[in-house]
C-alpha atoms as a PDB file:
ATOM      1  CA  MET A   1      18.204 -19.060  -1.978  1.00  0.00           C
ATOM      2  CA  ASP A   2      18.186 -15.295  -2.739  1.00  0.00           C
ATOM      3  CA  LEU A   3      14.146 -14.770  -3.689  1.00  0.00           C
ATOM      4  CA  VAL A   4      12.772 -11.212  -4.652  1.00  0.00           C
ATOM      5  CA  VAL A   5       8.658 -11.149  -5.202  1.00  0.00           C
ATOM      6  CA  VAL A   6       8.339  -9.601  -8.867  1.00  0.00           C
ATOM      7  CA  PRO A   7       5.727  -9.117 -11.527  1.00  0.00           C
ATOM      8  CA  ALA A   8       5.794 -12.202 -14.098  1.00  0.00           C
ATOM      9  CA  ARG A   9       3.052 -12.701 -17.237  1.00  0.00           C
ATOM     10  CA  ILE A  10       1.966 -16.073 -16.643  1.00  0.00           C
ATOM     11  CA  ASN A  11      -0.829 -17.388 -18.891  1.00  0.00           C
ATOM     12  CA  GLY A  12      -1.456 -13.627 -20.076  1.00  0.00           C
ATOM     13  CA  ARG A  13      -1.827 -12.236 -16.765  1.00  0.00           C
ATOM     14  CA  ILE A  14       0.396 -10.588 -14.571  1.00  0.00           C
ATOM     15  CA  HIS A  15       1.204 -12.105 -11.226  1.00  0.00           C
ATOM     16  CA  PHE A  16       3.561 -11.480  -8.111  1.00  0.00           C
ATOM     17  CA  VAL A  17       5.905 -14.266  -7.786  1.00  0.00           C
ATOM     18  CA  PRO A  18       9.007 -15.136  -5.917  1.00  0.00           C
ATOM     19  CA  VAL A  19      12.263 -15.493  -7.978  1.00  0.00           C
ATOM     20  CA  PRO A  20      15.745 -16.607  -7.597  1.00  0.00           C
ATOM     21  CA  ARG A  21      17.412 -12.824  -7.810  1.00  0.00           C
ATOM     22  CA  ARG A  22      20.098 -14.104 -10.188  1.00  0.00           C
ATOM     23  CA  VAL A  23      17.012 -15.085 -12.963  1.00  0.00           C
ATOM     24  CA  VAL A  24      15.914 -11.426 -12.580  1.00  0.00           C
ATOM     25  CA  LEU A  25      19.357 -10.118 -13.050  1.00  0.00           C
ATOM     26  CA  ALA A  26      19.685 -12.492 -15.721  1.00  0.00           C
ATOM     27  CA  SER A  27      16.368 -11.210 -17.488  1.00  0.00           C
ATOM     28  CA  GLY A  28      18.012  -7.392 -17.510  1.00  0.00           C
ATOM     29  CA  LEU A  29      15.309  -6.110 -15.129  1.00  0.00           C
ATOM     30  CA  ALA A  30      18.009  -5.550 -12.731  1.00  0.00           C
ATOM     31  CA  GLY A  31      15.759  -2.878 -10.971  1.00  0.00           C
ATOM     32  CA  LEU A  32      13.648  -5.536  -9.445  1.00  0.00           C
ATOM     33  CA  ALA A  33      16.402  -7.372  -7.739  1.00  0.00           C
ATOM     34  CA  ALA A  34      16.613  -4.238  -5.170  1.00  0.00           C
ATOM     35  CA  ALA A  35      12.833  -5.563  -3.707  1.00  0.00           C
ATOM     36  CA  ALA A  36      13.909  -7.223  -0.812  1.00  0.00           C
ATOM     37  CA  ALA A  37      17.027  -7.670   1.196  1.00  0.00           C
ATOM     38  CA  SER A  38      18.446 -11.065   2.632  1.00  0.00           C
ATOM     39  CA  GLY A  39      18.009 -11.825   6.514  1.00  0.00           C
ATOM     40  CA  ALA A  40      21.551 -12.208   6.782  1.00  0.00           C
ATOM     41  CA  THR A  41      22.254  -9.059   5.858  1.00  0.00           C
ATOM     42  CA  ALA A  42      19.507  -7.306   8.177  1.00  0.00           C
ATOM     43  CA  THR A  43      20.811  -9.444  10.998  1.00  0.00           C
ATOM     44  CA  ALA A  44      24.552  -8.433  10.485  1.00  0.00           C
ATOM     45  CA  THR A  45      24.262  -5.073  10.502  1.00  0.00           C
ATOM     46  CA  ALA A  46      21.875  -5.010  13.381  1.00  0.00           C
ATOM     47  CA  ASP A  47      24.693  -4.860  16.326  1.00  0.00           C
ATOM     48  CA  SER A  48      26.396  -2.267  14.648  1.00  0.00           C
ATOM     49  CA  ASP A  49      23.810  -0.071  14.666  1.00  0.00           C
ATOM     50  CA  LEU A  50      22.863  -0.233  18.360  1.00  0.00           C
ATOM     51  CA  ALA A  51      25.963   1.554  19.314  1.00  0.00           C
ATOM     52  CA  ASP A  52      26.541   4.946  20.653  1.00  0.00           C
ATOM     53  CA  MET A  53      22.917   6.010  19.262  1.00  0.00           C
ATOM     54  CA  GLY A  54      22.180   8.261  21.454  1.00  0.00           C
ATOM     55  CA  SER A  55      18.458   8.051  22.940  1.00  0.00           C
ATOM     56  CA  PRO A  56      16.836   4.925  20.652  1.00  0.00           C
ATOM     57  CA  PHE A  57      13.405   5.896  21.134  1.00  0.00           C
ATOM     58  CA  GLU A  58      14.216   9.015  19.110  1.00  0.00           C
ATOM     59  CA  HIS A  59      16.730   7.218  16.767  1.00  0.00           C
ATOM     60  CA  PHE A  60      14.555   5.262  15.511  1.00  0.00           C
ATOM     61  CA  ALA A  61      11.706   7.513  15.444  1.00  0.00           C
ATOM     62  CA  GLN A  62      13.498   9.725  13.141  1.00  0.00           C
ATOM     63  CA  LEU A  63      14.562   6.912  10.795  1.00  0.00           C
ATOM     64  CA  ARG A  64      10.869   5.717  10.555  1.00  0.00           C
ATOM     65  CA  ARG A  65       9.921   9.586   9.649  1.00  0.00           C
ATOM     66  CA  VAL A  66      12.811   9.427   6.680  1.00  0.00           C
ATOM     67  CA  ILE A  67      11.702   5.931   5.700  1.00  0.00           C
ATOM     68  CA  ILE A  68       8.583   7.345   4.983  1.00  0.00           C
ATOM     69  CA  GLN A  69       9.085  10.362   3.196  1.00  0.00           C
ATOM     70  CA  THR A  70      11.444   8.493   0.868  1.00  0.00           C
ATOM     71  CA  ASP A  71       8.561   5.748   0.421  1.00  0.00           C
ATOM     72  CA  ASN A  72       6.865   8.724  -1.076  1.00  0.00           C
ATOM     73  CA  LEU A  73       9.074   9.417  -3.184  1.00  0.00           C
ATOM     74  CA  ILE A  74      10.591   6.585  -4.700  1.00  0.00           C
ATOM     75  CA  GLY A  75       8.359   3.509  -3.287  1.00  0.00           C
ATOM     76  CA  PRO A  76       9.146   0.813  -1.385  1.00  0.00           C
ATOM     77  CA  ARG A  77      11.339  -1.587  -3.538  1.00  0.00           C
ATOM     78  CA  HIS A  78      14.313   0.769  -2.143  1.00  0.00           C
ATOM     79  CA  VAL A  79      13.406   1.315   1.343  1.00  0.00           C
ATOM     80  CA  LEU A  80      11.899  -1.739   2.610  1.00  0.00           C
ATOM     81  CA  PRO A  81      14.978  -3.833   3.023  1.00  0.00           C
ATOM     82  CA  ALA A  82      16.408  -0.104   5.401  1.00  0.00           C
ATOM     83  CA  LEU A  83      13.306  -0.767   7.463  1.00  0.00           C
ATOM     84  CA  GLN A  84      13.918  -4.326   7.798  1.00  0.00           C
ATOM     85  CA  GLN A  85      17.465  -3.986   9.102  1.00  0.00           C
ATOM     86  CA  ASN A  86      16.412  -0.912  11.135  1.00  0.00           C
ATOM     87  CA  LEU A  87      13.470  -3.315  12.802  1.00  0.00           C
ATOM     88  CA  VAL A  88      15.915  -5.964  13.567  1.00  0.00           C
ATOM     89  CA  SER A  89      18.342  -3.295  15.299  1.00  0.00           C
ATOM     90  CA  LEU A  90      14.871  -2.339  17.089  1.00  0.00           C
ATOM     91  CA  ALA A  91      13.944  -5.412  18.684  1.00  0.00           C
ATOM     92  CA  THR A  92      17.091  -6.004  19.858  1.00  0.00           C
ATOM     93  CA  ARG A  93      17.024  -3.017  21.999  1.00  0.00           C
ATOM     94  CA  ARG A  94      13.654  -3.718  22.772  1.00  0.00           C
ATOM     95  CA  ARG A  95      14.554  -6.879  24.461  1.00  0.00           C
ATOM     96  CA  ALA A  96      17.232  -5.228  26.386  1.00  0.00           C
ATOM     97  CA  ALA A  97      15.242  -2.798  27.762  1.00  0.00           C
ATOM     98  CA  ARG A  98      13.331  -2.802  30.776  1.00  0.00           C
ATOM     99  CA  GLY A  99       9.963  -1.151  32.442  1.00  0.00           C
ATOM    100  CA  ALA A 100       8.817   2.212  30.490  1.00  0.00           C
ATOM    101  CA  ASP A 101      11.828   2.298  28.064  1.00  0.00           C
ATOM    102  CA  ALA A 102      10.899  -1.561  26.964  1.00  0.00           C
ATOM    103  CA  VAL A 103       7.319  -0.703  26.490  1.00  0.00           C
ATOM    104  CA  GLU A 104       7.548   2.750  24.898  1.00  0.00           C
ATOM    105  CA  LEU A 105      10.175   0.848  22.181  1.00  0.00           C
ATOM    106  CA  LEU A 106       7.572  -1.759  21.660  1.00  0.00           C
ATOM    107  CA  SER A 107       4.989   0.691  20.812  1.00  0.00           C
ATOM    108  CA  LEU A 108       7.660   2.308  17.945  1.00  0.00           C
ATOM    109  CA  GLU A 109       8.100  -1.432  16.866  1.00  0.00           C
ATOM    110  CA  THR A 110       5.017  -2.288  16.499  1.00  0.00           C
ATOM    111  CA  ARG A 111       4.487   0.851  13.791  1.00  0.00           C
ATOM    112  CA  TYR A 112       7.592  -0.525  12.298  1.00  0.00           C
ATOM    113  CA  GLU A 113       5.960  -3.757  11.706  1.00  0.00           C
ATOM    114  CA  GLU A 114       2.956  -2.132  10.473  1.00  0.00           C
ATOM    115  CA  LEU A 115       4.979  -0.109   7.899  1.00  0.00           C
ATOM    116  CA  ALA A 116       6.491  -3.048   7.069  1.00  0.00           C
ATOM    117  CA  GLY A 117       3.611  -5.034   6.270  1.00  0.00           C
ATOM    118  CA  TRP A 118       2.213  -1.931   4.010  1.00  0.00           C
ATOM    119  CA  PHE A 119       5.831  -1.973   2.072  1.00  0.00           C
ATOM    120  CA  ALA A 120       5.530  -5.939   1.694  1.00  0.00           C
ATOM    121  CA  GLN A 121       2.270  -5.259   0.180  1.00  0.00           C
ATOM    122  CA  ASP A 122       2.979  -2.332  -2.183  1.00  0.00           C
ATOM    123  CA  ILE A 123       5.797  -4.753  -3.292  1.00  0.00           C
ATOM    124  CA  GLY A 124       3.720  -7.421  -3.773  1.00  0.00           C
ATOM    125  CA  ASP A 125       4.443  -9.717  -1.254  1.00  0.00           C
ATOM    126  CA  GLU A 126       1.573 -11.131   0.315  1.00  0.00           C
ATOM    127  CA  ARG A 127       2.954 -13.591   2.894  1.00  0.00           C
ATOM    128  CA  THR A 128       5.670 -10.777   4.231  1.00  0.00           C
ATOM    129  CA  ALA A 129       2.661  -8.393   4.488  1.00  0.00           C
ATOM    130  CA  HIS A 130       0.767 -10.791   6.336  1.00  0.00           C
ATOM    131  CA  GLY A 131       3.288 -11.503   8.784  1.00  0.00           C
ATOM    132  CA  HIS A 132       4.555  -7.888   9.762  1.00  0.00           C
ATOM    133  CA  THR A 133       0.933  -6.916  10.170  1.00  0.00           C
ATOM    134  CA  ALA A 134      -0.092  -9.946  12.180  1.00  0.00           C
ATOM    135  CA  LYS A 135       3.164  -9.500  14.294  1.00  0.00           C
ATOM    136  CA  ALA A 136       2.029  -5.286  14.702  1.00  0.00           C
ATOM    137  CA  LEU A 137      -1.197  -6.149  15.796  1.00  0.00           C
ATOM    138  CA  ASP A 138       0.043  -8.823  18.224  1.00  0.00           C
ATOM    139  CA  ALA A 139       2.417  -6.142  19.665  1.00  0.00           C
ATOM    140  CA  SER A 140      -0.382  -3.312  20.047  1.00  0.00           C
ATOM    141  CA  HIS A 141      -2.150  -5.271  22.581  1.00  0.00           C
ATOM    142  CA  ILE A 142       0.974  -6.290  24.538  1.00  0.00           C
ATOM    143  CA  THR A 143       1.395  -2.183  24.565  1.00  0.00           C
ATOM    144  CA  GLY A 144      -2.521  -1.758  25.412  1.00  0.00           C
ATOM    145  CA  ASP A 145      -2.503   1.250  23.011  1.00  0.00           C
ATOM    146  CA  THR A 146      -6.098   0.866  21.560  1.00  0.00           C
ATOM    147  CA  ASP A 147      -6.018   3.619  19.275  1.00  0.00           C
ATOM    148  CA  LEU A 148      -2.830   1.441  17.602  1.00  0.00           C
ATOM    149  CA  THR A 149      -4.804  -1.773  17.871  1.00  0.00           C
ATOM    150  CA  ALA A 150      -7.941   0.306  15.898  1.00  0.00           C
ATOM    151  CA  TYR A 151      -5.846   1.349  13.382  1.00  0.00           C
ATOM    152  CA  ILE A 152      -3.735  -2.012  12.899  1.00  0.00           C
ATOM    153  CA  LEU A 153      -7.193  -3.930  12.601  1.00  0.00           C
ATOM    154  CA  GLY A 154      -8.162  -1.017   9.835  1.00  0.00           C
ATOM    155  CA  ARG A 155      -4.840  -2.128   8.055  1.00  0.00           C
ATOM    156  CA  LYS A 156      -6.034  -5.856   8.341  1.00  0.00           C
ATOM    157  CA  ALA A 157      -9.450  -5.108   7.019  1.00  0.00           C
ATOM    158  CA  GLN A 158      -7.510  -2.930   3.543  1.00  0.00           C
ATOM    159  CA  LEU A 159      -4.762  -6.057   3.086  1.00  0.00           C
ATOM    160  CA  ALA A 160      -7.949  -8.180   3.232  1.00  0.00           C
ATOM    161  CA  VAL A 161      -9.661  -7.081   0.443  1.00  0.00           C
ATOM    162  CA  ASP A 162      -6.814  -5.976  -1.791  1.00  0.00           C
ATOM    163  CA  THR A 163      -5.869  -9.502  -1.358  1.00  0.00           C
ATOM    164  CA  GLY A 164      -9.448 -10.813  -2.584  1.00  0.00           C
ATOM    165  CA  HIS A 165     -11.112 -11.516   0.928  1.00  0.00           C
ATOM    166  CA  PRO A 166     -13.595  -8.606   1.244  1.00  0.00           C
ATOM    167  CA  ALA A 167     -16.168 -10.751   3.340  1.00  0.00           C
ATOM    168  CA  ASP A 168     -13.025 -10.984   5.494  1.00  0.00           C
ATOM    169  CA  ALA A 169     -12.336  -6.921   5.635  1.00  0.00           C
ATOM    170  CA  LEU A 170     -16.349  -6.240   6.496  1.00  0.00           C
ATOM    171  CA  GLY A 171     -15.260  -8.012   9.701  1.00  0.00           C
ATOM    172  CA  LEU A 172     -12.264  -6.520  10.614  1.00  0.00           C
ATOM    173  CA  ALA A 173     -13.473  -2.805   9.742  1.00  0.00           C
ATOM    174  CA  SER A 174     -16.287  -3.808  12.231  1.00  0.00           C
ATOM    175  CA  ALA A 175     -13.672  -4.706  14.586  1.00  0.00           C
ATOM    176  CA  ALA A 176     -11.959  -1.402  13.727  1.00  0.00           C
ATOM    177  CA  ARG A 177     -14.715   1.108  14.499  1.00  0.00           C
ATOM    178  CA  ARG A 178     -15.583  -0.977  17.637  1.00  0.00           C
ATOM    179  CA  THR A 179     -11.847  -0.369  18.762  1.00  0.00           C
ATOM    180  CA  ALA A 180     -11.813   3.206  18.064  1.00  0.00           C
ATOM    181  CA  ARG A 181     -12.186   6.342  20.064  1.00  0.00           C
ATOM    182  CA  PRO A 182     -15.312   7.360  19.156  1.00  0.00           C
ATOM    183  CA  GLY A 183     -15.091  10.812  17.785  1.00  0.00           C
ATOM    184  CA  SER A 184     -11.494   9.975  16.363  1.00  0.00           C
ATOM    185  CA  ARG A 185     -10.442  10.008  13.222  1.00  0.00           C
ATOM    186  CA  LEU A 186      -9.742   6.262  13.505  1.00  0.00           C
ATOM    187  CA  GLU A 187     -13.473   5.820  13.103  1.00  0.00           C
ATOM    188  CA  VAL A 188     -13.333   7.148   9.820  1.00  0.00           C
ATOM    189  CA  ILE A 189     -10.581   5.094   8.550  1.00  0.00           C
ATOM    190  CA  ALA A 190     -12.862   1.699   9.889  1.00  0.00           C
ATOM    191  CA  VAL A 191     -15.746   2.898   7.752  1.00  0.00           C
ATOM    192  CA  LEU A 192     -13.687   3.575   5.085  1.00  0.00           C
ATOM    193  CA  HIS A 193     -12.485   0.484   4.575  1.00  0.00           C
ATOM    194  CA  LYS A 194     -15.954  -0.981   5.073  1.00  0.00           C
ATOM    195  CA  ALA A 195     -17.219   1.084   2.406  1.00  0.00           C
ATOM    196  CA  HIS A 196     -14.322  -0.258   0.229  1.00  0.00           C
ATOM    197  CA  ALA A 197     -15.389  -3.439   0.772  1.00  0.00           C
ATOM    198  CA  HIS A 198     -18.901  -3.514   0.269  1.00  0.00           C
ATOM    199  CA  ALA A 199     -18.232  -1.904  -3.269  1.00  0.00           C
ATOM    200  CA  VAL A 200     -15.969  -5.041  -4.227  1.00  0.00           C
ATOM    201  CA  LEU A 201     -18.504  -7.813  -3.182  1.00  0.00           C
ATOM    202  CA  GLY A 202     -21.144  -4.975  -5.314  1.00  0.00           C
ATOM    203  CA  GLU A 203     -23.061  -3.716  -2.995  1.00  0.00           C
ATOM    204  CA  ALA A 204     -23.624  -0.372  -4.032  1.00  0.00           C
ATOM    205  CA  SER A 205     -26.330   0.991  -1.421  1.00  0.00           C
ATOM    206  CA  GLU A 206     -24.230  -0.436   1.478  1.00  0.00           C
ATOM    207  CA  THR A 207     -21.125   1.600  -0.249  1.00  0.00           C
ATOM    208  CA  HIS A 208     -22.831   4.772  -0.502  1.00  0.00           C
ATOM    209  CA  LYS A 209     -24.120   5.077   2.779  1.00  0.00           C
ATOM    210  CA  ALA A 210     -20.734   3.979   4.413  1.00  0.00           C
ATOM    211  CA  TYR A 211     -19.362   6.687   2.215  1.00  0.00           C
ATOM    212  CA  ASP A 212     -22.103   9.298   3.908  1.00  0.00           C
ATOM    213  CA  THR A 213     -21.298   8.299   6.956  1.00  0.00           C
ATOM    214  CA  ALA A 214     -17.519   8.588   6.820  1.00  0.00           C
ATOM    215  CA  LEU A 215     -18.038  12.082   5.628  1.00  0.00           C
ATOM    216  CA  THR A 216     -20.344  12.644   8.783  1.00  0.00           C
ATOM    217  CA  LEU A 217     -17.791  11.493  11.319  1.00  0.00           C
ATOM    218  CA  LEU A 218     -14.907  13.368   9.710  1.00  0.00           C
ATOM    219  CA  ALA A 219     -16.941  16.706   9.773  1.00  0.00           C
ATOM    220  CA  ARG A 220     -16.953  15.864  13.772  1.00  0.00           C
ATOM    221  CA  ALA A 221     -13.549  14.367  14.633  1.00  0.00           C
ATOM    222  CA  ASP A 222     -11.132  15.091  16.723  1.00  0.00           C
ATOM    223  CA  SER A 223      -8.379  17.661  14.803  1.00  0.00           C
ATOM    224  CA  ASP A 224      -5.836  17.195  16.903  1.00  0.00           C
ATOM    225  CA  GLY A 225      -3.588  13.610  17.074  1.00  0.00           C
ATOM    226  CA  VAL A 226      -1.279  11.630  14.814  1.00  0.00           C
ATOM    227  CA  TRP A 227      -3.951   9.261  13.356  1.00  0.00           C
ATOM    228  CA  GLY A 228      -5.482  10.096  10.549  1.00  0.00           C
ATOM    229  CA  SER A 229      -4.182  13.623  10.567  1.00  0.00           C
ATOM    230  CA  TRP A 230      -4.170  13.017   6.149  1.00  0.00           C
ATOM    231  CA  LEU A 231      -7.702  12.843   6.064  1.00  0.00           C
ATOM    232  CA  ASP A 232     -10.399  14.763   4.453  1.00  0.00           C
ATOM    233  CA  SER A 233     -13.074  15.283   2.429  1.00  0.00           C
ATOM    234  CA  ALA A 234     -10.381  15.345  -0.667  1.00  0.00           C
ATOM    235  CA  TYR A 235      -9.244  11.831   0.462  1.00  0.00           C
ATOM    236  CA  VAL A 236     -12.408  10.478   1.214  1.00  0.00           C
ATOM    237  CA  ASN A 237     -14.119  11.160  -1.940  1.00  0.00           C
ATOM    238  CA  THR A 238     -10.862   9.880  -3.803  1.00  0.00           C
ATOM    239  CA  ALA A 239     -11.217   6.759  -1.755  1.00  0.00           C
ATOM    240  CA  ARG A 240     -14.662   6.813  -3.003  1.00  0.00           C
ATOM    241  CA  ALA A 241     -13.604   7.405  -6.983  1.00  0.00           C
ATOM    242  CA  ARG A 242     -11.922   3.535  -6.289  1.00  0.00           C
ATOM    243  CA  SER A 243     -15.005   2.149  -4.936  1.00  0.00           C
ATOM    244  CA  LEU A 244     -17.198   3.695  -8.059  1.00  0.00           C
ATOM    245  CA  ALA A 245     -14.727   1.716 -10.162  1.00  0.00           C
ATOM    246  CA  ALA A 246     -14.998  -1.709  -8.528  1.00  0.00           C
ATOM    247  CA  LEU A 247     -18.986  -0.505  -8.940  1.00  0.00           C
ATOM    248  CA  GLY A 248     -18.528  -0.288 -12.437  1.00  0.00           C
ATOM    249  CA  ASP A 249     -19.157   3.250 -12.302  1.00  0.00           C
ATOM    250  CA  TYR A 250     -16.507   4.064 -14.568  1.00  0.00           C
ATOM    251  CA  GLU A 251     -17.371   7.608 -15.606  1.00  0.00           C
ATOM    252  CA  ARG A 252     -17.562   9.346 -12.341  1.00  0.00           C
ATOM    253  CA  ALA A 253     -14.630   7.016 -10.986  1.00  0.00           C
ATOM    254  CA  ALA A 254     -12.376   9.009 -13.710  1.00  0.00           C
ATOM    255  CA  ALA A 255     -13.563  12.497 -12.747  1.00  0.00           C
ATOM    256  CA  GLY A 256     -12.763  11.427  -9.481  1.00  0.00           C
ATOM    257  CA  PHE A 257      -9.161  10.244  -9.986  1.00  0.00           C
ATOM    258  CA  ASP A 258      -8.510  13.159 -12.381  1.00  0.00           C
ATOM    259  CA  ASN A 259      -9.611  15.389  -9.672  1.00  0.00           C
ATOM    260  CA  ALA A 260      -6.832  13.651  -7.145  1.00  0.00           C
ATOM    261  CA  ILE A 261      -4.018  13.695  -9.669  1.00  0.00           C
ATOM    262  CA  ALA A 262      -4.627  17.364  -9.995  1.00  0.00           C
ATOM    263  CA  MET A 263      -4.844  17.682  -6.237  1.00  0.00           C
ATOM    264  CA  LEU A 264      -1.330  15.546  -5.304  1.00  0.00           C
ATOM    265  CA  PRO A 265       1.686  17.143  -3.974  1.00  0.00           C
ATOM    266  CA  PRO A 266       5.026  16.216  -6.354  1.00  0.00           C
ATOM    267  CA  ALA A 267       6.209  14.506  -3.229  1.00  0.00           C
ATOM    268  CA  TYR A 268       4.031  11.628  -3.661  1.00  0.00           C
ATOM    269  CA  ARG A 269       5.245  10.122  -6.693  1.00  0.00           C
ATOM    270  CA  ARG A 270       4.342   6.518  -5.771  1.00  0.00           C
ATOM    271  CA  ASP A 271       0.967   7.660  -5.088  1.00  0.00           C
ATOM    272  CA  ARG A 272       0.741   9.343  -8.683  1.00  0.00           C
ATOM    273  CA  GLY A 273       1.319   6.166 -10.163  1.00  0.00           C
ATOM    274  CA  VAL A 274      -1.122   4.638  -8.390  1.00  0.00           C
ATOM    275  CA  TYR A 275      -3.782   7.341  -9.000  1.00  0.00           C
ATOM    276  CA  LEU A 276      -2.902   7.614 -12.622  1.00  0.00           C
ATOM    277  CA  ALA A 277      -2.990   3.646 -13.171  1.00  0.00           C
ATOM    278  CA  ARG A 278      -6.492   3.762 -11.444  1.00  0.00           C
ATOM    279  CA  ALA A 279      -7.547   6.622 -13.246  1.00  0.00           C
ATOM    280  CA  ALA A 280      -6.597   4.990 -16.623  1.00  0.00           C
ATOM    281  CA  ARG A 281      -8.725   1.760 -15.894  1.00  0.00           C
ATOM    282  CA  ALA A 282     -11.658   4.165 -14.931  1.00  0.00           C
ATOM    283  CA  HIS A 283     -11.123   5.795 -18.562  1.00  0.00           C
ATOM    284  CA  ALA A 284     -10.936   2.358 -20.434  1.00  0.00           C
ATOM    285  CA  GLY A 285     -14.159   0.929 -18.509  1.00  0.00           C
ATOM    286  CA  ALA A 286     -15.957   4.238 -20.032  1.00  0.00           C
ATOM    287  CA  GLY A 287     -14.807   3.793 -23.684  1.00  0.00           C
ATOM    288  CA  ASN A 288     -11.797   6.584 -23.752  1.00  0.00           C
ATOM    289  CA  ASN A 289      -9.532   3.870 -24.990  1.00  0.00           C
ATOM    290  CA  ALA A 290      -6.755   6.038 -25.991  1.00  0.00           C
ATOM    291  CA  LEU A 291      -6.703   8.475 -23.330  1.00  0.00           C
ATOM    292  CA  ALA A 292      -6.698   5.113 -20.953  1.00  0.00           C
ATOM    293  CA  ALA A 293      -3.696   4.037 -22.891  1.00  0.00           C
ATOM    294  CA  ARG A 294      -1.675   7.008 -22.826  1.00  0.00           C
ATOM    295  CA  ILE A 295      -2.092   7.727 -18.888  1.00  0.00           C
ATOM    296  CA  GLY A 296      -1.152   4.130 -18.401  1.00  0.00           C
ATOM    297  CA  THR A 297       1.839   4.946 -20.619  1.00  0.00           C
ATOM    298  CA  GLN A 298       2.589   7.614 -17.745  1.00  0.00           C
ATOM    299  CA  ALA A 299       1.419   5.099 -14.414  1.00  0.00           C
ATOM    300  CA  VAL A 300       4.430   2.088 -16.278  1.00  0.00           C
ATOM    301  CA  GLY A 301       7.066   4.672 -15.905  1.00  0.00           C
ATOM    302  CA  ILE A 302       6.133   5.274 -12.120  1.00  0.00           C
ATOM    303  CA  ALA A 303       5.806   1.623 -11.593  1.00  0.00           C
ATOM    304  CA  THR A 304       9.704   0.914 -13.115  1.00  0.00           C
ATOM    305  CA  GLU A 305      10.960   3.659 -11.005  1.00  0.00           C
ATOM    306  CA  THR A 306       9.110   2.371  -7.358  1.00  0.00           C
ATOM    307  CA  GLY A 307       7.713  -1.494  -8.003  1.00  0.00           C
ATOM    308  CA  SER A 308       4.527  -0.576  -6.782  1.00  0.00           C
ATOM    309  CA  ALA A 309       2.588  -3.960  -7.205  1.00  0.00           C
ATOM    310  CA  ARG A 310      -0.810  -1.600  -6.579  1.00  0.00           C
ATOM    311  CA  ILE A 311       0.170   0.403  -9.765  1.00  0.00           C
ATOM    312  CA  VAL A 312       0.869  -3.105 -11.595  1.00  0.00           C
ATOM    313  CA  HIS A 313      -1.803  -5.046 -10.500  1.00  0.00           C
ATOM    314  CA  GLN A 314      -3.910  -2.147 -11.748  1.00  0.00           C
ATOM    315  CA  LEU A 315      -2.287  -1.585 -15.236  1.00  0.00           C
ATOM    316  CA  ASP A 316      -2.733  -5.643 -15.416  1.00  0.00           C
ATOM    317  CA  ARG A 317      -6.388  -4.964 -15.323  1.00  0.00           C
ATOM    318  CA  LEU A 318      -6.018  -1.789 -17.893  1.00  0.00           C
ATOM    319  CA  ASP A 319      -4.094  -4.487 -20.387  1.00  0.00           C
ATOM    320  CA  GLN A 320      -7.156  -6.932 -19.967  1.00  0.00           C
ATOM    321  CA  ALA A 321      -9.394  -4.320 -20.847  1.00  0.00           C
ATOM    322  CA  LEU A 322      -7.567  -2.421 -24.204  1.00  0.00           C
ATOM    323  CA  ALA A 323      -6.848  -6.054 -25.493  1.00  0.00           C
ATOM    324  CA  PRO A 324      -9.856  -5.749 -28.009  1.00  0.00           C
ATOM    325  CA  ALA A 325      -8.728  -2.271 -29.094  1.00  0.00           C
ATOM    326  CA  ALA A 326      -5.180  -3.109 -29.539  1.00  0.00           C
ATOM    327  CA  GLY A 327      -5.330  -1.252 -32.723  1.00  0.00           C
ATOM    328  CA  GLU A 328      -6.633   2.287 -31.430  1.00  0.00           C
ATOM    329  CA  ASP A 329      -3.833   5.069 -30.958  1.00  0.00           C
ATOM    330  CA  GLY A 330      -1.347   4.401 -28.046  1.00  0.00           C
ATOM    331  CA  VAL A 331      -2.961   1.297 -27.061  1.00  0.00           C
ATOM    332  CA  ALA A 332      -0.006  -0.888 -28.740  1.00  0.00           C
ATOM    333  CA  GLU A 333       2.632   1.645 -27.218  1.00  0.00           C
ATOM    334  CA  PHE A 334       1.145   1.157 -23.616  1.00  0.00           C
ATOM    335  CA  ARG A 335       0.822  -2.497 -23.931  1.00  0.00           C
ATOM    336  CA  ALA A 336       4.436  -2.802 -25.141  1.00  0.00           C
ATOM    337  CA  SER A 337       5.570  -0.607 -21.962  1.00  0.00           C
ATOM    338  CA  LEU A 338       4.072  -2.784 -19.692  1.00  0.00           C
ATOM    339  CA  ASP A 339       5.422  -5.832 -21.191  1.00  0.00           C
ATOM    340  CA  ARG A 340       9.239  -4.515 -20.987  1.00  0.00           C
ATOM    341  CA  ILE A 341       8.928  -4.101 -16.921  1.00  0.00           C
ATOM    342  CA  VAL A 342       7.855  -7.666 -16.742  1.00  0.00           C
ATOM    343  CA  LEU A 343       9.112 -11.262 -16.556  1.00  0.00           C
ATOM    344  CA  HIS A 344       8.180 -13.300 -19.443  1.00  0.00           C
ATOM    345  CA  PRO A 345       8.849 -17.214 -17.912  1.00  0.00           C
ATOM    346  CA  ALA A 346      10.057 -19.595 -20.435  1.00  0.00           C
END
């Protein structure tokens, strides 16, 4: 059966569930049906992709860069199928290679697996996300690339906390930091994941201590290399805002997200939706319901375009927070707009 993972309202809350594609199409939410490609399609196209591509490594490396850029604009719903198709082709090439070529292609395949895990998480398919990320971790050990291993351990920590297992995330983040080279930005990434796990567990002092440590490490971290090149103090402060919201400090969280939205480049469309949804939830927590509803409605539009589960999960929380204020300005409009983009099983 051809299944896709989509948001559905069940007992008043929004959950991501596997649904037959024909049901999604029949519901009128046709855009959601693009969330995944069938394995048969990926396999069928793999062999034709192998012919006359020049350097396989450069070919697949360039494709990965293009996919990442496209994801920034439109989110993972439409790019995950392309990534999975190219992952099949890449694995086929790697198995046919030997020596240094095989090792080089496996390293790239590992990055594809990690990225597929991230995309699957962002469309709400947790099972697929765990599967791709576990494969990436296994492959990183085979390549002997400890930087890659440290990064994927951090991703596993992030996945654990985002799927409701913050205690597991603490252990994974600690392992990521032990594996990371001292003085590298990978060390900072590991500490950030640990900080948010502490926040979800309600451990405020440990949370703030970890963020202070992250800023200290960042100030003296290597500036070269590909890992964490996007890290700066603004990124750390935005991550702290998310943790402040988890701790219930909504006013400071809202200010942090408002700053992040103002600084975000237009090309990061999906991330703007994530920040808007988190800002809206923080404003609602601070009692600014009309502002929260207005910002939340903007985020609904981006959730529709991108299919990002991170946006929808936050909007579900906003929906619950605003339910008692249904009569206030804009609240009913927000809740109706959110209802229009989710399935309503009979």
